[in-house]
Amino acid sequence: MEDSDIYSLAELCLKLVEKENSEIKYTDIYFEKSNYINIEIEENSIKNNEIGEDHGVSIRIINKNGALGFAYTNKLDRITIEKICKNAIKMMKIATPDPDFKKIPGPFNNYPKVQDLFDKNLKYLQVEDSLNFVNDMIKVCRDDDIAISQSGNFASGYSKIYIFNSNGLNISKKDTSCLISSNIIVKDKINNETSSGYERQIERSLNKLNAINVAKSALEDAKRNLNRKKIKNMKVPVILTPKGTISLILSPVAAAINAETFQYKRSFLVDKRGEKIGSEFLNIEDNGLINGAAGSQIFDDEGVPCKNKSILKNGEFLKTGLLHNSYTAGKEGVESTGNAARNSYISIPSIGITNFMMKPGDMTIDEMLKDIKTGVILNYTGDSPNISTGDFSGLILHGNLIKDGQIKESLNETMIGINLLDLFQKIDAVSKEYKVYGAFQAPYVKINSVNIIGGAN
């Protein structure tokens, strides 16, 4: 459909809702037009190719008592639009009133300029062109002596979003994304032990993807985890790799500062705003304005401008450190932070991050390692912290022993246990080096003393 058709249907929808029910206070309409390619790898060969498009619209209607009605369709024609408007009104009439629903956004005079969020090469990408990336990954696995299998995928997408509401908001945006992931299994020829390694890359532009590097990183990760060794219980320094930093710092903090989670008191950071909860090395921000970054947006999925928000500064959890959409912001009596997020047109706005970043430090990873006599480097764990309490106890799936400043054997049957607030206080170094994984940017982080439970006792 052309832009003029979308605007015409939105105008029809707004007029119809206004005419149907005088009790309606707010209406918003969300159109999405997207196309995508997905190629899956299994057992180091192409398993499935998929190319498609998904166009749809949803309408959200709220009355004066805060009762909400919601309906959506993937048919963009006048008759169907009229039908979902009436269905949303019916849903609103039987919905539970919600006095906490205060408002939806109005129009904004200025939006930020964020560059390189759209790549025309991705909009017009064909499956045949995508296969080059997949074949590069397959070759890396095939050419290695001990690599026995690989799974993964290549995915790309283009979308255009239109948001309209009864407050006069009328805005659109377009963006692109592409992703490569690789999970490689290796087998030691002497003892027949197997291990796996994982890596991924998400970008806005096709020319930034490097399939060979992704597959090689996954392969190196798998090899590093071979010849696993059981260790005894110990209390030692732990270095988190960027993946480990995401697992034990960034991802839990992102969940804990979600205003909806916070307002329901399901966050371990409740009653901690304005307090120092970590060391001076703990500095986190949510920045939606980085040119070309995977999480950047001009505006969120309610039409509110995105911005850079400081969450933790020198270990202090800032009073303004929550992420809001319009609902949670109205409930607290503040402005939305521009973090409304929808999975697609079939969902109502929730809350999401943009580019969630822990600021790098001033040490290299080698400098962090050199003074450690005995320690552990943690790459990732399959377990997650309890966001309500901050408690964490989990298996180190990929990690290595550190001896005299050198990374040594990989760990087997080894667990780590700590409360996140204790972990934050024990951060005593952050690396200059960092890695970006989609919406997360993470450095290496050194924790000065952590209980490690070994399987050799």
Protein backbone atom coordinates (compact mmCIF):
# COMPACT_ATOMS: atom_id res chain seq x y z
CA MET A 1 0.00 0.00 0.00
CA GLU A 2 1.05 3.57 -0.64
CA ASP A 3 1.50 6.10 2.17
CA SER A 4 -1.67 7.88 1.05
CA ASP A 5 -3.67 4.68 1.57
CA ILE A 6 -2.32 4.29 5.12
CA TYR A 7 -3.15 7.89 6.03
CA SER A 8 -6.62 7.51 4.55
CA LEU A 9 -7.33 4.36 6.59
CA ALA A 10 -6.02 6.00 9.78
CA GLU A 11 -8.27 9.01 9.27
CA LEU A 12 -11.22 6.68 8.67
CA CYS A 13 -10.46 4.80 11.85
CA LEU A 14 -10.17 7.90 14.05
CA LYS A 15 -13.42 9.36 12.72
CA LEU A 16 -15.28 6.09 13.15
CA VAL A 17 -14.16 5.66 16.77
CA GLU A 18 -15.05 9.26 17.63
CA LYS A 19 -18.50 8.79 16.13
CA GLU A 20 -19.19 5.43 17.77
CA ASN A 21 -18.72 6.21 21.45
CA SER A 22 -18.56 9.49 23.37
CA GLU A 23 -16.93 7.78 26.37
CA ILE A 24 -13.70 7.18 24.46
CA LYS A 25 -10.81 9.32 25.67
CA TYR A 26 -7.88 8.09 23.59
CA THR A 27 -7.28 6.15 20.39
CA ASP A 28 -4.01 5.10 18.84
CA ILE A 29 -3.38 3.26 15.59
CA TYR A 30 -0.22 1.35 14.70
CA PHE A 31 0.50 0.28 11.10
CA GLU A 32 3.43 -1.97 10.26
CA LYS A 33 4.70 -3.01 6.83
CA SER A 34 7.64 -5.40 6.82
CA ASN A 35 9.48 -7.96 4.74
CA TYR A 36 12.06 -10.48 5.85
CA ILE A 37 14.46 -13.25 4.87
CA ASN A 38 15.47 -16.11 7.17
CA ILE A 39 17.91 -18.90 6.29
CA GLU A 40 18.49 -21.65 8.85
CA ILE A 41 21.54 -23.89 9.17
CA GLU A 42 21.43 -27.36 10.72
CA GLU A 43 24.25 -29.90 10.73
CA ASN A 44 26.36 -27.41 8.78
CA SER A 45 24.02 -27.28 5.81
CA ILE A 46 21.09 -25.12 4.77
CA LYS A 47 17.93 -26.53 6.32
CA ASN A 48 15.34 -23.93 5.44
CA ASN A 49 14.96 -20.73 3.41
CA GLU A 50 12.11 -18.36 4.07
CA ILE A 51 11.18 -15.06 2.49
CA GLY A 52 7.99 -13.22 3.34
CA GLU A 53 6.17 -10.05 4.28
CA ASP A 54 3.85 -9.14 7.11
CA HIS A 55 1.59 -6.11 6.93
CA GLY A 56 -0.93 -5.25 9.61
CA VAL A 57 -2.61 -2.68 11.81
CA SER A 58 -3.76 -2.56 15.42
CA ILE A 59 -6.02 -0.14 17.25
CA ARG A 60 -5.96 0.62 20.97
CA ILE A 61 -8.93 2.45 22.51
CA ILE A 62 -9.14 3.75 26.08
CA ASN A 63 -12.22 5.25 27.72
CA LYS A 64 -12.48 7.86 30.47
CA ASN A 65 -12.22 5.16 33.16
CA GLY A 66 -9.03 3.72 31.72
CA ALA A 67 -10.68 0.57 30.32
CA LEU A 68 -8.79 -0.62 27.24
CA GLY A 69 -9.93 -2.32 24.06
CA PHE A 70 -7.50 -3.73 21.52
CA ALA A 71 -7.87 -5.37 18.11
CA TYR A 72 -5.67 -6.03 15.09
CA THR A 73 -5.73 -7.43 11.56
CA ASN A 74 -3.36 -8.24 8.73
CA LYS A 75 -5.89 -7.17 6.12
CA LEU A 76 -5.46 -3.51 5.21
CA ASP A 77 -8.79 -2.65 3.61
CA ARG A 78 -11.65 -0.35 4.56
CA ILE A 79 -14.17 -3.03 5.56
CA THR A 80 -11.72 -4.89 7.83
CA ILE A 81 -10.51 -1.66 9.44
CA GLU A 82 -14.08 -0.72 10.28
CA LYS A 83 -14.60 -4.17 11.77
CA ILE A 84 -11.56 -4.05 14.11
CA CYS A 85 -12.56 -0.55 15.27
CA LYS A 86 -15.94 -1.93 16.34
CA ASN A 87 -14.30 -4.97 17.93
CA ALA A 88 -11.91 -2.77 19.93
CA ILE A 89 -14.85 -0.70 21.19
CA LYS A 90 -16.66 -3.89 22.25
CA MET A 91 -13.57 -5.05 24.13
CA MET A 92 -13.25 -1.66 25.82
CA LYS A 93 -16.86 -1.80 27.05
CA ILE A 94 -16.32 -5.07 28.92
CA ALA A 95 -12.75 -4.33 30.07
CA THR A 96 -11.83 -3.60 33.69
CA PRO A 97 -11.47 0.14 34.46
CA ASP A 98 -7.90 1.24 35.19
CA PRO A 99 -7.55 4.58 36.98
CA ASP A 100 -3.76 4.44 36.45
CA PHE A 101 -4.14 4.96 32.71
CA LYS A 102 -3.55 8.71 32.54
CA LYS A 103 -2.67 9.62 28.95
CA ILE A 104 -1.08 8.75 25.62
CA PRO A 105 1.51 10.97 23.87
CA GLY A 106 0.64 14.04 21.86
CA PRO A 107 2.57 15.39 18.88
CA PHE A 108 6.16 16.53 19.40
CA ASN A 109 7.79 19.56 17.80
CA ASN A 110 11.26 18.04 17.52
CA TYR A 111 12.62 14.58 16.98
CA PRO A 112 16.30 13.62 17.21
CA LYS A 113 18.36 12.94 14.10
CA VAL A 114 19.80 9.45 14.16
CA GLN A 115 21.66 8.33 11.06
CA ASP A 116 22.29 4.97 9.38
CA LEU A 117 19.19 3.14 10.62
CA PHE A 118 18.14 2.25 7.06
CA ASP A 119 20.08 0.38 4.39
CA LYS A 120 18.42 0.18 0.98
CA ASN A 121 20.53 -2.90 0.19
CA LEU A 122 18.60 -4.75 2.91
CA LYS A 123 15.25 -3.53 1.68
CA TYR A 124 15.86 -5.09 -1.72
CA LEU A 125 17.99 -8.04 -0.61
CA GLN A 126 17.31 -11.37 -2.35
CA VAL A 127 17.72 -14.88 -0.94
CA GLU A 128 20.44 -15.62 -3.49
CA ASP A 129 22.57 -12.76 -2.13
CA SER A 130 21.97 -13.87 1.46
CA LEU A 131 23.36 -17.32 0.74
CA ASN A 132 26.88 -15.89 0.45
CA PHE A 133 26.89 -15.17 4.19
CA VAL A 134 25.61 -18.64 5.05
CA ASN A 135 28.11 -20.36 2.77
CA ASP A 136 30.96 -18.44 4.44
CA MET A 137 29.90 -19.81 7.84
CA ILE A 138 29.52 -23.34 6.51
CA LYS A 139 33.03 -23.19 5.02
CA VAL A 140 34.62 -22.15 8.34
CA CYS A 141 33.14 -25.21 10.05
CA ARG A 142 33.87 -27.56 7.15
CA ASP A 143 37.53 -26.53 6.90
CA ASP A 144 38.34 -27.14 10.58
CA ASP A 145 39.76 -30.51 11.66
CA ILE A 146 37.76 -30.92 14.86
CA ALA A 147 34.53 -29.03 14.03
CA ILE A 148 31.78 -31.60 13.53
CA SER A 149 28.57 -29.61 13.18
CA GLN A 150 27.07 -26.13 13.06
CA SER A 151 23.64 -24.61 13.51
CA GLY A 152 22.73 -20.97 13.06
CA ASN A 153 20.95 -18.56 10.82
CA PHE A 154 21.03 -15.48 8.66
CA ALA A 155 18.10 -13.08 8.99
CA SER A 156 17.34 -9.69 7.52
CA GLY A 157 14.36 -7.39 7.67
CA TYR A 158 12.93 -4.09 6.49
CA SER A 159 10.02 -2.36 8.19
CA LYS A 160 8.06 0.85 8.01
CA ILE A 161 5.98 1.96 10.99
CA TYR A 162 3.16 4.52 11.09
CA ILE A 163 1.65 5.77 14.36
CA PHE A 164 -1.47 7.94 14.63
CA ASN A 165 -3.51 8.92 17.67
CA SER A 166 -6.44 11.06 18.75
CA ASN A 167 -4.08 13.64 20.31
CA GLY A 168 -2.88 14.62 16.85
CA LEU A 169 0.21 12.42 16.63
CA ASN A 170 1.00 11.47 13.02
CA ILE A 171 4.46 10.03 12.37
CA SER A 172 6.31 7.32 10.46
CA LYS A 173 9.78 5.74 10.30
CA LYS A 174 11.60 3.04 8.38
CA ASP A 175 14.53 0.87 9.41
CA THR A 176 16.46 -2.26 8.52
CA SER A 177 18.34 -4.95 10.41
CA CYS A 178 20.37 -8.06 9.71
CA LEU A 179 21.67 -10.86 11.90
CA ILE A 180 24.08 -13.77 11.73
CA SER A 181 24.40 -16.45 14.42
CA SER A 182 26.62 -19.52 14.65
CA ASN A 183 26.67 -22.40 17.11
CA ILE A 184 29.56 -24.80 16.35
CA ILE A 185 30.24 -28.20 17.96
CA VAL A 186 33.79 -29.54 18.14
CA LYS A 187 35.11 -32.96 19.15
CA ASP A 188 38.54 -33.73 20.59
CA LYS A 189 40.10 -36.51 18.51
CA ILE A 190 41.97 -38.03 21.47
CA ASN A 191 39.37 -38.24 24.24
CA ASN A 192 36.23 -37.77 22.10
CA GLU A 193 35.04 -34.95 24.36
CA THR A 194 32.66 -32.50 22.67
CA SER A 195 31.97 -28.83 23.27
CA SER A 196 30.05 -26.04 21.63
CA GLY A 197 30.59 -22.32 21.07
CA TYR A 198 28.19 -19.55 20.14
CA GLU A 199 28.52 -16.13 18.52
CA ARG A 200 26.19 -13.66 16.82
CA GLN A 201 26.21 -10.23 15.18
CA ILE A 202 23.32 -7.82 14.64
CA GLU A 203 23.65 -4.76 12.42
CA ARG A 204 21.60 -2.09 10.65
CA SER A 205 23.68 -2.28 7.45
CA LEU A 206 24.57 -5.33 5.39
CA ASN A 207 28.17 -4.25 4.78
CA LYS A 208 28.93 -4.44 8.51
CA LEU A 209 28.13 -8.16 8.75
CA ASN A 210 31.12 -10.49 8.79
CA ALA A 211 29.99 -14.12 8.62
CA ILE A 212 33.52 -15.51 8.67
CA ASN A 213 34.41 -13.66 11.89
CA VAL A 214 31.18 -14.78 13.55
CA ALA A 215 31.78 -18.45 12.71
CA LYS A 216 35.47 -18.25 13.71
CA SER A 217 34.54 -16.70 17.07
CA ALA A 218 32.02 -19.48 17.69
CA LEU A 219 34.68 -22.04 16.77
CA GLU A 220 37.28 -20.51 19.10
CA ASP A 221 34.68 -20.39 21.87
CA ALA A 222 33.97 -24.11 21.40
CA LYS A 223 37.67 -25.04 21.42
CA ARG A 224 38.29 -22.99 24.57
CA ASN A 225 35.70 -25.11 26.34
CA LEU A 226 37.31 -28.49 25.57
CA ASN A 227 39.22 -30.62 28.11
CA ARG A 228 37.12 -29.42 31.01
CA LYS A 229 38.46 -29.74 34.53
CA LYS A 230 36.77 -30.02 37.92
CA ILE A 231 38.02 -27.65 40.59
CA LYS A 232 37.57 -27.36 44.36
CA ASN A 233 35.45 -24.76 46.17
CA MET A 234 37.19 -21.42 46.29
CA LYS A 235 36.59 -17.74 46.89
CA VAL A 236 38.47 -15.91 44.15
CA PRO A 237 38.33 -12.96 41.74
CA VAL A 238 36.07 -13.49 38.73
CA ILE A 239 36.38 -11.75 35.37
CA LEU A 240 33.19 -11.51 33.34
CA THR A 241 33.65 -11.54 29.57
CA PRO A 242 31.30 -9.23 27.62
CA LYS A 243 28.81 -12.13 27.38
CA GLY A 244 29.17 -12.67 31.12
CA THR A 245 28.65 -8.96 31.78
CA ILE A 246 25.41 -9.09 29.80
CA SER A 247 24.22 -12.17 31.72
CA LEU A 248 25.03 -10.96 35.24
CA ILE A 249 24.90 -7.16 35.01
CA LEU A 250 23.25 -5.60 31.98
CA SER A 251 20.36 -7.97 31.36
CA PRO A 252 19.30 -8.15 35.06
CA VAL A 253 19.55 -4.36 35.46
CA ALA A 254 17.50 -3.82 32.28
CA ALA A 255 14.77 -6.06 33.69
CA ALA A 256 14.93 -4.49 37.15
CA ILE A 257 14.55 -0.88 35.92
CA ASN A 258 11.57 -1.69 33.70
CA ALA A 259 9.02 0.64 35.29
CA GLU A 260 6.22 -1.93 35.08
CA THR A 261 8.30 -4.51 36.97
CA PHE A 262 9.38 -1.81 39.40
CA GLN A 263 5.86 -0.52 40.08
CA TYR A 264 4.66 -4.04 40.85
CA LYS A 265 7.60 -4.33 43.30
CA ARG A 266 9.08 -7.29 41.44
CA SER A 267 12.52 -5.71 41.19
CA PHE A 268 15.51 -6.15 43.51
CA LEU A 269 16.12 -2.40 43.05
CA VAL A 270 12.84 -1.27 44.65
CA ASP A 271 13.53 1.42 47.29
CA LYS A 272 17.11 1.81 45.98
CA ARG A 273 16.65 4.93 43.83
CA GLY A 274 19.07 7.66 44.79
CA GLU A 275 21.30 5.16 46.62
CA LYS A 276 24.79 3.94 45.82
CA ILE A 277 24.28 0.27 44.96
CA GLY A 278 27.63 -0.48 43.30
CA SER A 279 31.23 0.57 43.01
CA GLU A 280 32.37 3.68 41.15
CA PHE A 281 33.07 1.49 38.10
CA LEU A 282 29.37 0.75 37.59
CA ASN A 283 28.13 3.20 34.96
CA ILE A 284 25.16 2.23 32.80
CA GLU A 285 23.07 4.17 30.29
CA ASP A 286 20.31 3.47 27.79
CA ASN A 287 21.16 5.44 24.67
CA GLY A 288 18.77 5.37 21.73
CA LEU A 289 20.64 7.98 19.68
CA ILE A 290 23.79 6.19 18.48
CA ASN A 291 24.13 6.36 14.70
CA GLY A 292 23.76 2.95 13.08
CA ALA A 293 23.34 1.03 16.34
CA ALA A 294 20.97 -1.94 16.52
CA GLY A 295 18.88 -0.48 19.36
CA SER A 296 18.69 3.12 18.14
CA GLN A 297 15.37 4.70 17.18
CA ILE A 298 14.14 8.18 16.35
CA PHE A 299 11.01 7.54 18.41
CA ASP A 300 9.57 4.63 20.36
CA ASP A 301 6.52 2.54 19.51
CA GLU A 302 4.13 5.16 20.89
CA GLY A 303 5.76 8.03 18.98
CA VAL A 304 7.77 9.48 21.91
CA PRO A 305 11.26 10.75 20.94
CA CYS A 306 14.11 8.50 22.06
CA LYS A 307 17.02 9.91 24.04
CA ASN A 308 20.11 9.05 26.07
CA LYS A 309 19.25 8.14 29.67
CA SER A 310 21.75 7.64 32.47
CA ILE A 311 20.72 4.76 34.75
CA LEU A 312 23.64 4.16 37.10
CA LYS A 313 26.39 6.72 37.61
CA ASN A 314 29.49 5.87 39.66
CA GLY A 315 27.46 3.13 41.32
CA GLU A 316 24.48 5.34 42.18
CA PHE A 317 21.04 4.23 40.97
CA LEU A 318 19.67 7.56 39.77
CA LYS A 319 16.22 8.70 40.83
CA THR A 320 15.41 9.14 37.15
CA GLY A 321 16.81 5.69 36.30
CA LEU A 322 13.60 3.86 35.32
CA LEU A 323 12.52 3.12 31.75
CA HIS A 324 8.93 4.18 31.02
CA ASN A 325 6.24 3.99 28.40
CA SER A 326 3.31 6.39 28.56
CA TYR A 327 1.25 4.16 30.89
CA THR A 328 3.89 3.68 33.59
CA ALA A 329 5.00 7.31 33.25
CA GLY A 330 1.44 8.52 33.81
CA LYS A 331 1.10 6.21 36.79
CA GLU A 332 4.19 7.76 38.39
CA GLY A 333 3.46 11.32 37.29
CA VAL A 334 6.53 11.69 35.06
CA GLU A 335 7.17 11.87 31.31
CA SER A 336 7.74 8.79 29.19
CA THR A 337 11.42 8.04 28.61
CA GLY A 338 10.77 6.89 25.02
CA ASN A 339 11.00 3.18 25.81
CA ALA A 340 7.63 1.90 24.61
CA ALA A 341 8.18 -1.29 22.61
CA ARG A 342 5.96 -3.63 20.60
CA ASN A 343 6.91 -7.04 19.26
CA SER A 344 4.77 -6.22 16.23
CA TYR A 345 1.38 -4.75 15.40
CA ILE A 346 -0.29 -7.66 17.23
CA SER A 347 0.82 -6.43 20.69
CA ILE A 348 0.12 -3.43 22.90
CA PRO A 349 3.11 -1.33 24.04
CA SER A 350 5.34 -2.81 26.73
CA ILE A 351 8.75 -1.44 27.82
CA GLY A 352 12.09 -2.19 26.18
CA ILE A 353 15.69 -1.00 26.06
CA THR A 354 17.37 0.87 23.20
CA ASN A 355 21.19 0.55 23.39
CA PHE A 356 21.88 -0.63 26.94
CA MET A 357 25.53 0.08 27.70
CA MET A 358 28.02 -0.34 30.50
CA LYS A 359 30.70 2.30 30.03
CA PRO A 360 34.25 1.01 29.39
CA GLY A 361 37.04 1.58 31.90
CA ASP A 362 40.72 2.43 31.56
CA MET A 363 42.40 -1.01 31.84
CA THR A 364 43.12 -3.61 29.19
CA ILE A 365 41.99 -7.18 29.73
CA ASP A 366 45.66 -8.24 30.02
CA GLU A 367 46.18 -5.70 32.82
CA MET A 368 43.11 -7.09 34.61
CA LEU A 369 44.43 -10.64 34.34
CA LYS A 370 48.08 -10.14 35.28
CA ASP A 371 47.67 -9.71 39.05
CA ILE A 372 45.29 -12.65 39.51
CA LYS A 373 47.09 -15.64 41.06
CA THR A 374 43.98 -17.85 41.05
CA GLY A 375 40.64 -16.88 39.60
CA VAL A 376 37.89 -17.65 37.13
CA ILE A 377 36.86 -16.07 33.84
CA LEU A 378 33.14 -16.53 33.16
CA ASN A 379 31.90 -16.39 29.58
CA TYR A 380 28.31 -17.45 30.04
CA THR A 381 25.90 -19.35 32.19
CA GLY A 382 22.60 -20.96 31.32
CA ASP A 383 20.95 -19.63 34.47
CA SER A 384 19.41 -16.24 35.24
CA PRO A 385 19.29 -14.18 38.45
CA ASN A 386 16.07 -13.81 40.41
CA ILE A 387 15.00 -10.28 39.44
CA SER A 388 12.81 -9.92 42.55
CA THR A 389 15.60 -10.67 45.05
CA GLY A 390 18.82 -10.30 43.06
CA ASP A 391 19.98 -13.76 44.13
CA PHE A 392 21.95 -15.76 41.62
CA SER A 393 23.19 -19.33 41.69
CA GLY A 394 24.05 -20.95 38.42
CA LEU A 395 26.23 -23.32 36.45
CA ILE A 396 29.21 -21.89 34.58
CA LEU A 397 28.58 -23.37 31.14
CA HIS A 398 31.62 -21.69 29.59
CA GLY A 399 34.41 -20.51 31.83
CA ASN A 400 38.10 -21.05 32.49
CA LEU A 401 40.50 -21.17 35.40
CA ILE A 402 42.95 -18.27 35.72
CA LYS A 403 46.43 -19.15 37.02
CA ASP A 404 49.20 -16.57 37.48
CA GLY A 405 47.55 -14.16 35.09
CA GLN A 406 47.00 -16.75 32.34
CA ILE A 407 43.72 -18.26 31.13
CA LYS A 408 44.02 -22.03 31.59
CA GLU A 409 41.71 -25.08 31.55
CA SER A 410 37.97 -24.81 30.98
CA LEU A 411 35.73 -25.59 33.93
CA ASN A 412 33.52 -28.61 34.48
CA GLU A 413 30.68 -28.97 37.01
CA THR A 414 31.41 -25.52 38.45
CA MET A 415 28.84 -23.15 39.92
CA ILE A 416 28.83 -19.54 41.03
CA GLY A 417 26.65 -18.00 43.72
CA ILE A 418 26.24 -14.31 44.63
CA ASN A 419 23.61 -11.62 45.16
CA LEU A 420 23.68 -9.00 42.42
CA LEU A 421 23.91 -6.08 44.84
CA ASP A 422 26.96 -7.73 46.40
CA LEU A 423 28.40 -8.30 42.91
CA PHE A 424 27.89 -4.63 41.98
CA GLN A 425 29.76 -3.49 45.11
CA LYS A 426 32.68 -5.81 44.36
CA ILE A 427 33.40 -4.51 40.84
CA ASP A 428 36.98 -3.21 41.01
CA ALA A 429 37.97 -2.94 37.33
CA VAL A 430 36.37 -2.48 33.92
CA SER A 431 38.19 -2.97 30.62
CA LYS A 432 38.77 -0.57 27.75
CA GLU A 433 37.75 -3.35 25.36
CA TYR A 434 34.06 -4.01 24.84
CA LYS A 435 31.77 -5.92 22.51
CA VAL A 436 28.37 -5.10 21.09
CA TYR A 437 25.69 -7.78 20.96
CA GLY A 438 22.57 -6.29 19.45
CA ALA A 439 21.17 -3.80 21.94
CA PHE A 440 23.86 -4.50 24.57
CA GLN A 441 27.37 -3.02 24.80
CA ALA A 442 29.52 -4.75 27.42
CA PRO A 443 33.16 -4.62 28.58
CA TYR A 444 35.12 -7.15 30.64
CA VAL A 445 34.38 -6.68 34.34
CA LYS A 446 36.47 -7.85 37.32
CA ILE A 447 34.69 -8.88 40.53
CA ASN A 448 37.15 -9.00 43.42
CA SER A 449 35.80 -11.95 45.40
CA VAL A 450 33.13 -14.53 44.52
CA ASN A 451 32.18 -17.94 45.95
CA ILE A 452 32.86 -20.68 43.39
CA ILE A 453 31.44 -24.15 44.00
CA GLY A 454 33.56 -26.82 42.34
CA GLY A 455 32.80 -30.42 41.45
CA ALA A 456 36.12 -31.81 42.73
CA ASN A 457 35.21 -31.74 46.42
